[in-house]
Amino acid sequence: QVQLVESGGGSVQTGGSLRLYCAASERVRVFNAMAWYRQSPGQATEFVGRVTDDGALSYAPAVKGRFTITRGNVKTTILLYMNNLNTEDTGTYYCKAEVTADGSQTYWGQGTQVTVSS
């Protein structure tokens, strides 16, 4: 069973920056894609950004231009650089690994909390 572990969450003030990190427990497995999602208090889980195995990137409109996703030195790691944070970015951030292109097999991390205060 693949496990994803996120780290790097914390508390910052509006305008601040954080870096989130996600690593998979199996380094030999290559995922079709890895992604970040988030869930704000009282809200549904929403897509943040995604990177495919061949490096294609996509972002939610709410974070485009402020957040950047990169792959780590190992392909089963992913980072999320978050700049110019605002209070609406507060939430639990989850890492997701998509094993197959059709999305039928995925793994999720336990989440890391990000809190932005004004």
Protein backbone atom coordinates (compact mmCIF):
# COMPACT_ATOMS: atom_id res chain seq x y z
CA GLN A 1 0.00 0.00 0.00
CA VAL A 2 1.47 3.32 -1.07
CA GLN A 3 1.45 6.03 1.56
CA LEU A 4 1.70 9.73 0.85
CA VAL A 5 3.04 12.01 3.55
CA GLU A 6 2.63 15.77 3.41
CA SER A 7 4.64 18.30 5.37
CA GLY A 8 5.31 22.02 5.44
CA GLY A 9 1.99 23.40 6.57
CA GLY A 10 1.78 26.13 9.16
CA SER A 11 0.46 29.56 10.00
CA VAL A 12 1.34 32.74 8.15
CA GLN A 13 -0.04 36.21 7.73
CA THR A 14 -1.64 37.52 4.59
CA GLY A 15 0.95 37.99 1.91
CA GLY A 16 3.22 35.33 3.33
CA SER A 17 4.58 32.17 1.73
CA LEU A 18 4.72 28.48 2.51
CA ARG A 19 6.11 25.41 0.85
CA LEU A 20 4.36 22.09 1.07
CA TYR A 21 6.06 18.79 0.40
CA CYS A 22 4.60 15.39 -0.40
CA ALA A 23 6.51 12.14 -0.68
CA ALA A 24 5.32 8.67 -1.54
CA SER A 25 6.50 5.68 0.41
CA GLU A 26 7.36 3.74 -2.72
CA ARG A 27 10.15 5.30 -4.75
CA VAL A 28 10.10 2.69 -7.47
CA ARG A 29 6.57 3.47 -8.57
CA VAL A 30 6.02 6.19 -11.13
CA PHE A 31 2.65 7.86 -10.99
CA ASN A 32 0.70 9.12 -13.97
CA ALA A 33 0.28 12.39 -12.10
CA MET A 34 0.46 13.97 -8.67
CA ALA A 35 -1.77 16.74 -7.46
CA TRP A 36 -2.70 19.00 -4.59
CA TYR A 37 -6.20 19.54 -3.30
CA ARG A 38 -7.47 21.53 -0.37
CA GLN A 39 -10.47 21.71 1.87
CA SER A 40 -11.41 24.92 3.59
CA PRO A 41 -13.63 24.90 6.68
CA GLY A 42 -17.20 24.14 5.69
CA GLN A 43 -16.29 23.74 2.04
CA ALA A 44 -15.91 20.82 -0.33
CA THR A 45 -12.50 19.57 -1.34
CA GLU A 46 -11.22 21.54 -4.31
CA PHE A 47 -8.49 21.08 -6.88
CA VAL A 48 -5.38 23.24 -6.45
CA GLY A 49 -2.91 22.02 -9.05
CA ARG A 50 -1.49 19.00 -10.79
CA VAL A 51 1.63 17.82 -12.57
CA THR A 52 1.74 14.82 -14.87
CA ASP A 53 4.57 12.38 -15.27
CA ASP A 54 5.69 14.18 -18.42
CA GLY A 55 5.65 17.55 -16.65
CA ALA A 56 2.38 19.08 -17.79
CA LEU A 57 1.06 21.52 -15.21
CA SER A 58 -2.42 22.77 -14.43
CA TYR A 59 -3.72 25.08 -11.71
CA ALA A 60 -7.02 26.21 -10.32
CA PRO A 61 -7.83 29.80 -11.34
CA ALA A 62 -7.85 30.89 -7.70
CA VAL A 63 -4.18 30.03 -7.24
CA LYS A 64 -2.72 30.51 -10.71
CA GLY A 65 0.14 32.98 -10.62
CA ARG A 66 0.60 32.59 -6.88
CA PHE A 67 1.18 28.84 -6.46
CA THR A 68 3.79 26.73 -8.22
CA ILE A 69 4.03 22.96 -8.36
CA THR A 70 7.32 21.20 -8.95
CA ARG A 71 8.47 17.61 -8.89
CA GLY A 72 11.11 16.69 -6.38
CA ASN A 73 14.42 15.02 -7.11
CA VAL A 74 12.54 11.76 -6.91
CA LYS A 75 9.56 11.54 -9.25
CA THR A 76 7.31 10.35 -6.47
CA THR A 77 7.68 13.64 -4.62
CA ILE A 78 5.89 16.88 -5.27
CA LEU A 79 6.18 20.37 -3.86
CA LEU A 80 3.73 23.23 -3.70
CA TYR A 81 5.16 26.71 -3.40
CA MET A 82 2.50 29.12 -2.20
CA ASN A 83 3.11 32.85 -2.40
CA ASN A 84 1.02 35.91 -1.63
CA LEU A 85 -1.26 33.85 0.57
CA ASN A 86 -4.61 35.21 1.63
CA THR A 87 -7.18 34.09 4.17
CA GLU A 88 -9.14 32.18 1.54
CA ASP A 89 -6.17 29.86 1.15
CA THR A 90 -6.71 28.57 4.67
CA GLY A 91 -7.49 24.89 4.77
CA THR A 92 -6.17 21.38 4.86
CA TYR A 93 -4.00 20.58 1.87
CA TYR A 94 -3.94 17.04 0.52
CA CYS A 95 -1.54 15.35 -1.82
CA LYS A 96 -2.95 12.92 -4.36
CA ALA A 97 -1.17 10.39 -6.54
CA GLU A 98 -2.89 9.14 -9.68
CA VAL A 99 -1.54 5.73 -10.56
CA THR A 100 -3.48 5.32 -13.79
CA ALA A 101 -4.43 7.80 -16.50
CA ASP A 102 -8.14 7.09 -16.07
CA GLY A 103 -8.04 8.00 -12.40
CA SER A 104 -9.33 4.64 -11.31
CA GLN A 105 -6.51 4.10 -8.84
CA THR A 106 -5.42 6.92 -6.57
CA TYR A 107 -3.73 7.46 -3.25
CA TRP A 108 -4.26 10.33 -0.85
CA GLY A 109 -2.19 11.75 1.96
CA GLN A 110 -3.49 12.62 5.38
CA GLY A 111 -3.28 16.35 4.80
CA THR A 112 -1.37 19.26 6.23
CA GLN A 113 -2.95 22.38 7.69
CA VAL A 114 -2.38 25.83 6.26
CA THR A 115 -3.72 28.82 8.16
CA VAL A 116 -3.51 32.35 6.81
CA SER A 117 -4.46 35.18 9.13
CA SER A 118 -5.03 38.83 8.35
